[in-house]
Amino acid sequence: MTCQDIDVGYWVVKAFRVTFVGELGWELQVPSYAAVQVYNLLKEAGKEFGLRDAGMQTLNSLRLEKAYRDFGLDVDNTDNPISAGLGFAVKLDKPGGFIGRDALAAIKAEGVPKVRMLQFLLKDPEPLLYGNECLYLNGTEVGHLQIGGYGHSLGGAVGIGFAELDAPLTTAIISEGTWEVEVAGERIPATASLKPLFDPKMEKIKS
C-alpha cells in the first residue's frame, strides 16, 4: 500500500505496491497517451523472465483463490463490511466518524454475524463453479455462491458466497460442519473457510 513515481522509458508512471490477485505485485497508473509505449517497453523488458499477458479469467481465478472481494460482483451497497468479512478495513474510531458509522457499530455490537461471506473449495477437482450454486450445511440449504471459478493453485473449483443461519455462524460451525455445493443437481463436498485458503498468512504479498 505504498506509491511512488517511476520512469518507464520516457514516461513517468505511478507504481502502486498493491495486488488484486494474491501474489507479490504492482499496479501501474499510466497516462492514456503513453499506454501503448509503456506496454511495449514492459513486454520487451519482461521477455527474459517469461512475461506473458493474462486475461480477466486468469485474474478472476487468482483473486478467488485469495478470496478477494470484487465490489459490484461479490458485494454491493446492500451488504455490510462485517458480514462480508471486511470489518478489518473499517475503523470505527476514525476521527470525525463517517456516514453509516453508528449503524455499523450497532451491527458489530451484536457479536458473531448470522450471515457471513465464506470461501469454498470443492473436494472433488473435476466439477466447475460459475456462481449462484446453492450452499448446504449439514444437509440444509443456507445460501449460494456469488461467484466461482477454477483455482489452479488450490487444485479445484473455488467460490465465495454468503451463508446464513438463524443463529450466529461461528468459527466452530464453519470448521466442523459438513458443507456441500450443488453443481448441476449434485451436491459436492466442500471445504468452507473464513480465511483465504491460498496464502492465509499473507506471506507472498509481504515478501
C-alpha atoms as a PDB file:
ATOM      1  CA  MET A   1       0.000   0.000   0.000  1.00  0.00           C
ATOM      2  CA  THR A   2       2.723   2.452  -0.982  1.00  0.00           C
ATOM      3  CA  CYS A   3       3.042   4.518  -4.158  1.00  0.00           C
ATOM      4  CA  GLN A   4       5.865   6.212  -5.999  1.00  0.00           C
ATOM      5  CA  ASP A   5       6.603   7.777  -9.368  1.00  0.00           C
ATOM      6  CA  ILE A   6       8.916   5.733 -11.588  1.00  0.00           C
ATOM      7  CA  ASP A   7      10.369   6.137 -15.071  1.00  0.00           C
ATOM      8  CA  VAL A   8       9.378   3.702 -17.812  1.00  0.00           C
ATOM      9  CA  GLY A   9      11.198   4.782 -20.938  1.00  0.00           C
ATOM     10  CA  TYR A  10      10.359   8.452 -21.476  1.00  0.00           C
ATOM     11  CA  TRP A  11       7.284   8.291 -19.287  1.00  0.00           C
ATOM     12  CA  VAL A  12       6.606   8.901 -15.609  1.00  0.00           C
ATOM     13  CA  VAL A  13       4.041   6.452 -14.216  1.00  0.00           C
ATOM     14  CA  LYS A  14       2.708   5.832 -10.729  1.00  0.00           C
ATOM     15  CA  ALA A  15       3.643   2.445  -9.286  1.00  0.00           C
ATOM     16  CA  PHE A  16       1.312   1.136  -6.561  1.00  0.00           C
ATOM     17  CA  ARG A  17       2.505  -1.644  -4.275  1.00  0.00           C
ATOM     18  CA  VAL A  18      -0.850  -3.413  -4.255  1.00  0.00           C
ATOM     19  CA  THR A  19      -2.213  -6.582  -5.793  1.00  0.00           C
ATOM     20  CA  PHE A  20      -5.638  -7.878  -6.798  1.00  0.00           C
ATOM     21  CA  VAL A  21      -4.505 -11.475  -7.264  1.00  0.00           C
ATOM     22  CA  GLY A  22      -2.835 -12.501  -4.001  1.00  0.00           C
ATOM     23  CA  GLU A  23       0.663 -12.621  -5.449  1.00  0.00           C
ATOM     24  CA  LEU A  24       3.553 -10.212  -4.988  1.00  0.00           C
ATOM     25  CA  GLY A  25       2.803  -7.479  -7.493  1.00  0.00           C
ATOM     26  CA  TRP A  26       2.368  -3.908  -8.600  1.00  0.00           C
ATOM     27  CA  GLU A  27      -0.260  -1.881 -10.401  1.00  0.00           C
ATOM     28  CA  LEU A  28       0.851   0.888 -12.726  1.00  0.00           C
ATOM     29  CA  GLN A  29      -1.163   4.044 -13.394  1.00  0.00           C
ATOM     30  CA  VAL A  30      -0.195   5.134 -16.881  1.00  0.00           C
ATOM     31  CA  PRO A  31      -1.289   8.272 -18.784  1.00  0.00           C
ATOM     32  CA  SER A  32      -3.567   7.219 -21.628  1.00  0.00           C
ATOM     33  CA  TYR A  33      -1.329   8.815 -24.236  1.00  0.00           C
ATOM     34  CA  ALA A  34       1.609   6.686 -23.048  1.00  0.00           C
ATOM     35  CA  ALA A  35      -0.201   3.372 -22.561  1.00  0.00           C
ATOM     36  CA  VAL A  36       0.884   1.642 -25.780  1.00  0.00           C
ATOM     37  CA  GLN A  37       4.507   2.657 -25.419  1.00  0.00           C
ATOM     38  CA  VAL A  38       4.693   1.620 -21.744  1.00  0.00           C
ATOM     39  CA  TYR A  39       3.054  -1.715 -22.565  1.00  0.00           C
ATOM     40  CA  ASN A  40       5.586  -2.404 -25.315  1.00  0.00           C
ATOM     41  CA  LEU A  41       8.509  -1.466 -23.064  1.00  0.00           C
ATOM     42  CA  LEU A  42       7.284  -3.770 -20.302  1.00  0.00           C
ATOM     43  CA  LYS A  43       6.775  -6.663 -22.712  1.00  0.00           C
ATOM     44  CA  GLU A  44      10.266  -6.211 -24.118  1.00  0.00           C
ATOM     45  CA  ALA A  45      11.895  -5.961 -20.667  1.00  0.00           C
ATOM     46  CA  GLY A  46       9.965  -8.999 -19.459  1.00  0.00           C
ATOM     47  CA  LYS A  47      10.966 -11.379 -22.242  1.00  0.00           C
ATOM     48  CA  GLU A  48      13.887 -12.861 -20.326  1.00  0.00           C
ATOM     49  CA  PHE A  49      11.549 -13.589 -17.388  1.00  0.00           C
ATOM     50  CA  GLY A  50       8.876 -15.262 -19.487  1.00  0.00           C
ATOM     51  CA  LEU A  51       6.419 -12.383 -19.126  1.00  0.00           C
ATOM     52  CA  ARG A  52       3.046 -13.146 -20.720  1.00  0.00           C
ATOM     53  CA  ASP A  53      -0.312 -11.412 -20.988  1.00  0.00           C
ATOM     54  CA  ALA A  54      -3.102 -12.615 -18.700  1.00  0.00           C
ATOM     55  CA  GLY A  55      -6.816 -12.080 -19.251  1.00  0.00           C
ATOM     56  CA  MET A  56      -9.652 -11.369 -16.850  1.00  0.00           C
ATOM     57  CA  GLN A  57     -10.450 -15.075 -16.397  1.00  0.00           C
ATOM     58  CA  THR A  58      -6.931 -15.602 -15.086  1.00  0.00           C
ATOM     59  CA  LEU A  59      -7.148 -12.609 -12.768  1.00  0.00           C
ATOM     60  CA  ASN A  60     -10.547 -13.763 -11.521  1.00  0.00           C
ATOM     61  CA  SER A  61      -9.231 -17.256 -10.796  1.00  0.00           C
ATOM     62  CA  LEU A  62      -6.295 -15.878  -8.829  1.00  0.00           C
ATOM     63  CA  ARG A  63      -8.309 -13.417  -6.778  1.00  0.00           C
ATOM     64  CA  LEU A  64     -10.909 -16.086  -5.961  1.00  0.00           C
ATOM     65  CA  GLU A  65      -8.180 -18.321  -4.547  1.00  0.00           C
ATOM     66  CA  LYS A  66      -7.196 -15.404  -2.322  1.00  0.00           C
ATOM     67  CA  ALA A  67     -10.885 -14.694  -1.526  1.00  0.00           C
ATOM     68  CA  TYR A  68     -10.509 -11.061  -2.553  1.00  0.00           C
ATOM     69  CA  ARG A  69     -13.895  -9.370  -2.897  1.00  0.00           C
ATOM     70  CA  ASP A  70     -14.930  -7.631  -6.111  1.00  0.00           C
ATOM     71  CA  PHE A  71     -17.291  -4.752  -5.342  1.00  0.00           C
ATOM     72  CA  GLY A  72     -20.326  -4.831  -7.597  1.00  0.00           C
ATOM     73  CA  LEU A  73     -19.907  -8.539  -8.261  1.00  0.00           C
ATOM     74  CA  ASP A  74     -19.428 -10.283  -4.897  1.00  0.00           C
ATOM     75  CA  VAL A  75     -20.612  -7.480  -2.623  1.00  0.00           C
ATOM     76  CA  ASP A  76     -22.540  -4.262  -3.144  1.00  0.00           C
ATOM     77  CA  ASN A  77     -24.055  -1.403  -1.156  1.00  0.00           C
ATOM     78  CA  THR A  78     -26.717  -3.688   0.327  1.00  0.00           C
ATOM     79  CA  ASP A  79     -24.063  -5.715   2.199  1.00  0.00           C
ATOM     80  CA  ASN A  80     -22.261  -4.616   5.346  1.00  0.00           C
ATOM     81  CA  PRO A  81     -18.493  -4.958   5.912  1.00  0.00           C
ATOM     82  CA  ILE A  82     -18.897  -7.179   8.982  1.00  0.00           C
ATOM     83  CA  SER A  83     -20.864  -9.912   7.200  1.00  0.00           C
ATOM     84  CA  ALA A  84     -18.704  -9.550   4.101  1.00  0.00           C
ATOM     85  CA  GLY A  85     -15.525 -10.245   6.077  1.00  0.00           C
ATOM     86  CA  LEU A  86     -14.226  -6.735   5.523  1.00  0.00           C
ATOM     87  CA  GLY A  87     -14.500  -5.434   9.069  1.00  0.00           C
ATOM     88  CA  PHE A  88     -10.696  -5.119   9.230  1.00  0.00           C
ATOM     89  CA  ALA A  89     -10.907  -2.353   6.617  1.00  0.00           C
ATOM     90  CA  VAL A  90     -13.324  -0.187   8.627  1.00  0.00           C
ATOM     91  CA  LYS A  91     -12.109   1.837  11.607  1.00  0.00           C
ATOM     92  CA  LEU A  92     -14.978   2.710  13.917  1.00  0.00           C
ATOM     93  CA  ASP A  93     -12.728   5.136  15.806  1.00  0.00           C
ATOM     94  CA  LYS A  94     -11.873   7.162  12.697  1.00  0.00           C
ATOM     95  CA  PRO A  95     -11.552  10.842  13.715  1.00  0.00           C
ATOM     96  CA  GLY A  96     -14.734  12.668  12.763  1.00  0.00           C
ATOM     97  CA  GLY A  97     -16.560   9.408  12.098  1.00  0.00           C
ATOM     98  CA  PHE A  98     -18.095   8.552   8.736  1.00  0.00           C
ATOM     99  CA  ILE A  99     -21.510   8.099   7.130  1.00  0.00           C
ATOM    100  CA  GLY A 100     -23.027   4.884   8.456  1.00  0.00           C
ATOM    101  CA  ARG A 101     -20.627   4.617  11.394  1.00  0.00           C
ATOM    102  CA  ASP A 102     -23.362   4.245  14.046  1.00  0.00           C
ATOM    103  CA  ALA A 103     -25.246   1.632  12.028  1.00  0.00           C
ATOM    104  CA  LEU A 104     -22.066  -0.373  11.558  1.00  0.00           C
ATOM    105  CA  ALA A 105     -21.175  -0.088  15.236  1.00  0.00           C
ATOM    106  CA  ALA A 106     -24.599  -1.466  16.139  1.00  0.00           C
ATOM    107  CA  ILE A 107     -24.078  -4.436  13.785  1.00  0.00           C
ATOM    108  CA  LYS A 108     -20.668  -5.134  15.293  1.00  0.00           C
ATOM    109  CA  ALA A 109     -22.070  -4.896  18.824  1.00  0.00           C
ATOM    110  CA  GLU A 110     -24.460  -7.759  18.054  1.00  0.00           C
ATOM    111  CA  GLY A 111     -21.497 -10.133  18.041  1.00  0.00           C
ATOM    112  CA  VAL A 112     -20.900 -13.016  15.644  1.00  0.00           C
ATOM    113  CA  PRO A 113     -23.000 -12.422  12.497  1.00  0.00           C
ATOM    114  CA  LYS A 114     -25.727 -14.773  11.344  1.00  0.00           C
ATOM    115  CA  VAL A 115     -24.761 -14.000   7.748  1.00  0.00           C
ATOM    116  CA  ARG A 116     -21.131 -14.397   6.693  1.00  0.00           C
ATOM    117  CA  MET A 117     -19.246 -14.484   3.437  1.00  0.00           C
ATOM    118  CA  LEU A 118     -17.151 -17.647   3.169  1.00  0.00           C
ATOM    119  CA  GLN A 119     -14.733 -19.143   0.701  1.00  0.00           C
ATOM    120  CA  PHE A 120     -15.431 -22.639  -0.615  1.00  0.00           C
ATOM    121  CA  LEU A 121     -13.186 -25.207  -2.271  1.00  0.00           C
ATOM    122  CA  LEU A 122     -14.680 -28.333  -3.816  1.00  0.00           C
ATOM    123  CA  LYS A 123     -13.035 -31.533  -2.581  1.00  0.00           C
ATOM    124  CA  ASP A 124     -13.545 -33.137  -6.000  1.00  0.00           C
ATOM    125  CA  PRO A 125     -11.212 -31.445  -8.564  1.00  0.00           C
ATOM    126  CA  GLU A 126     -13.464 -32.243 -11.538  1.00  0.00           C
ATOM    127  CA  PRO A 127     -16.684 -30.133 -11.163  1.00  0.00           C
ATOM    128  CA  LEU A 128     -16.600 -26.464 -12.121  1.00  0.00           C
ATOM    129  CA  LEU A 129     -18.192 -23.469 -10.399  1.00  0.00           C
ATOM    130  CA  TYR A 130     -19.554 -20.355 -12.081  1.00  0.00           C
ATOM    131  CA  GLY A 131     -21.672 -18.638  -9.401  1.00  0.00           C
ATOM    132  CA  ASN A 132     -25.205 -18.917  -7.947  1.00  0.00           C
ATOM    133  CA  GLU A 133     -24.666 -22.553  -6.875  1.00  0.00           C
ATOM    134  CA  CYS A 134     -26.587 -23.411  -3.677  1.00  0.00           C
ATOM    135  CA  LEU A 135     -24.702 -23.983  -0.420  1.00  0.00           C
ATOM    136  CA  TYR A 136     -25.628 -26.689   2.084  1.00  0.00           C
ATOM    137  CA  LEU A 137     -24.560 -27.040   5.713  1.00  0.00           C
ATOM    138  CA  ASN A 138     -25.336 -30.380   7.350  1.00  0.00           C
ATOM    139  CA  GLY A 139     -27.911 -31.090   4.641  1.00  0.00           C
ATOM    140  CA  THR A 140     -29.750 -27.748   4.897  1.00  0.00           C
ATOM    141  CA  GLU A 141     -29.600 -25.027   2.252  1.00  0.00           C
ATOM    142  CA  VAL A 142     -28.014 -21.932   3.785  1.00  0.00           C
ATOM    143  CA  GLY A 143     -27.099 -19.683   0.867  1.00  0.00           C
ATOM    144  CA  HIS A 144     -25.473 -19.521  -2.545  1.00  0.00           C
ATOM    145  CA  LEU A 145     -22.208 -18.592  -4.210  1.00  0.00           C
ATOM    146  CA  GLN A 146     -21.778 -15.103  -5.580  1.00  0.00           C
ATOM    147  CA  ILE A 147     -19.052 -16.181  -7.989  1.00  0.00           C
ATOM    148  CA  GLY A 148     -16.995 -19.255  -8.804  1.00  0.00           C
ATOM    149  CA  GLY A 149     -14.038 -20.316 -10.891  1.00  0.00           C
ATOM    150  CA  TYR A 150     -11.207 -22.824 -11.035  1.00  0.00           C
ATOM    151  CA  GLY A 151      -8.346 -22.455  -8.556  1.00  0.00           C
ATOM    152  CA  HIS A 152      -5.263 -23.897 -10.230  1.00  0.00           C
ATOM    153  CA  SER A 153      -3.053 -23.375  -7.167  1.00  0.00           C
ATOM    154  CA  LEU A 154      -5.637 -24.942  -4.845  1.00  0.00           C
ATOM    155  CA  GLY A 155      -6.360 -27.803  -7.243  1.00  0.00           C
ATOM    156  CA  GLY A 156     -10.121 -27.465  -7.555  1.00  0.00           C
ATOM    157  CA  ALA A 157     -13.064 -25.162  -8.181  1.00  0.00           C
ATOM    158  CA  VAL A 158     -13.329 -22.311  -5.703  1.00  0.00           C
ATOM    159  CA  GLY A 159     -16.008 -19.742  -4.949  1.00  0.00           C
ATOM    160  CA  ILE A 160     -17.164 -17.198  -2.394  1.00  0.00           C
ATOM    161  CA  GLY A 161     -20.666 -16.606  -1.158  1.00  0.00           C
ATOM    162  CA  PHE A 162     -22.911 -15.738   1.785  1.00  0.00           C
ATOM    163  CA  ALA A 163     -24.173 -18.379   4.192  1.00  0.00           C
ATOM    164  CA  GLU A 164     -26.991 -17.523   6.612  1.00  0.00           C
ATOM    165  CA  LEU A 165     -28.237 -19.221   9.775  1.00  0.00           C
ATOM    166  CA  ASP A 166     -30.926 -18.400  12.326  1.00  0.00           C
ATOM    167  CA  ALA A 167     -28.156 -18.326  14.941  1.00  0.00           C
ATOM    168  CA  PRO A 168     -24.614 -16.875  14.903  1.00  0.00           C
ATOM    169  CA  LEU A 169     -22.453 -18.554  12.265  1.00  0.00           C
ATOM    170  CA  THR A 170     -19.454 -19.258  14.474  1.00  0.00           C
ATOM    171  CA  THR A 171     -15.969 -20.355  13.503  1.00  0.00           C
ATOM    172  CA  ALA A 172     -16.655 -23.743  15.095  1.00  0.00           C
ATOM    173  CA  ILE A 173     -19.772 -24.294  12.983  1.00  0.00           C
ATOM    174  CA  ILE A 174     -17.865 -23.340   9.846  1.00  0.00           C
ATOM    175  CA  SER A 175     -14.899 -25.619  10.530  1.00  0.00           C
ATOM    176  CA  GLU A 176     -16.808 -28.589  11.956  1.00  0.00           C
ATOM    177  CA  GLY A 177     -19.905 -28.576   9.742  1.00  0.00           C
ATOM    178  CA  THR A 178     -20.455 -30.705   6.658  1.00  0.00           C
ATOM    179  CA  TRP A 179     -20.510 -28.361   3.660  1.00  0.00           C
ATOM    180  CA  GLU A 180     -21.712 -29.127   0.145  1.00  0.00           C
ATOM    181  CA  VAL A 181     -22.138 -27.114  -3.034  1.00  0.00           C
ATOM    182  CA  GLU A 182     -24.812 -28.130  -5.523  1.00  0.00           C
ATOM    183  CA  VAL A 183     -23.361 -28.460  -9.016  1.00  0.00           C
ATOM    184  CA  ALA A 184     -25.706 -29.467 -11.845  1.00  0.00           C
ATOM    185  CA  GLY A 185     -28.095 -31.139  -9.398  1.00  0.00           C
ATOM    186  CA  GLU A 186     -25.380 -32.999  -7.472  1.00  0.00           C
ATOM    187  CA  ARG A 187     -24.112 -31.990  -4.049  1.00  0.00           C
ATOM    188  CA  ILE A 188     -20.317 -31.911  -3.971  1.00  0.00           C
ATOM    189  CA  PRO A 189     -18.466 -31.959  -0.610  1.00  0.00           C
ATOM    190  CA  ALA A 190     -16.581 -28.743   0.018  1.00  0.00           C
ATOM    191  CA  THR A 191     -14.260 -27.041   2.460  1.00  0.00           C
ATOM    192  CA  ALA A 192     -15.515 -23.742   3.887  1.00  0.00           C
ATOM    193  CA  SER A 193     -13.238 -21.093   5.344  1.00  0.00           C
ATOM    194  CA  LEU A 194     -13.345 -17.568   6.759  1.00  0.00           C
ATOM    195  CA  LYS A 195      -9.683 -17.044   5.896  1.00  0.00           C
ATOM    196  CA  PRO A 196      -8.233 -17.265   2.390  1.00  0.00           C
ATOM    197  CA  LEU A 197      -7.330 -20.855   1.575  1.00  0.00           C
ATOM    198  CA  PHE A 198      -4.431 -19.543  -0.515  1.00  0.00           C
ATOM    199  CA  ASP A 199      -1.627 -17.875   1.475  1.00  0.00           C
ATOM    200  CA  PRO A 200      -3.736 -17.220   4.596  1.00  0.00           C
ATOM    201  CA  LYS A 201      -0.797 -15.559   6.407  1.00  0.00           C
ATOM    202  CA  MET A 202      -0.219 -13.058   3.572  1.00  0.00           C
ATOM    203  CA  GLU A 203       3.398 -14.191   3.234  1.00  0.00           C
ATOM    204  CA  LYS A 204       3.576 -13.904  -0.559  1.00  0.00           C
ATOM    205  CA  ILE A 205       2.415 -10.306  -0.841  1.00  0.00           C
ATOM    206  CA  LYS A 206       4.548  -9.141   2.092  1.00  0.00           C
ATOM    207  CA  SER A 207       7.790 -10.706   0.900  1.00  0.00           C
END
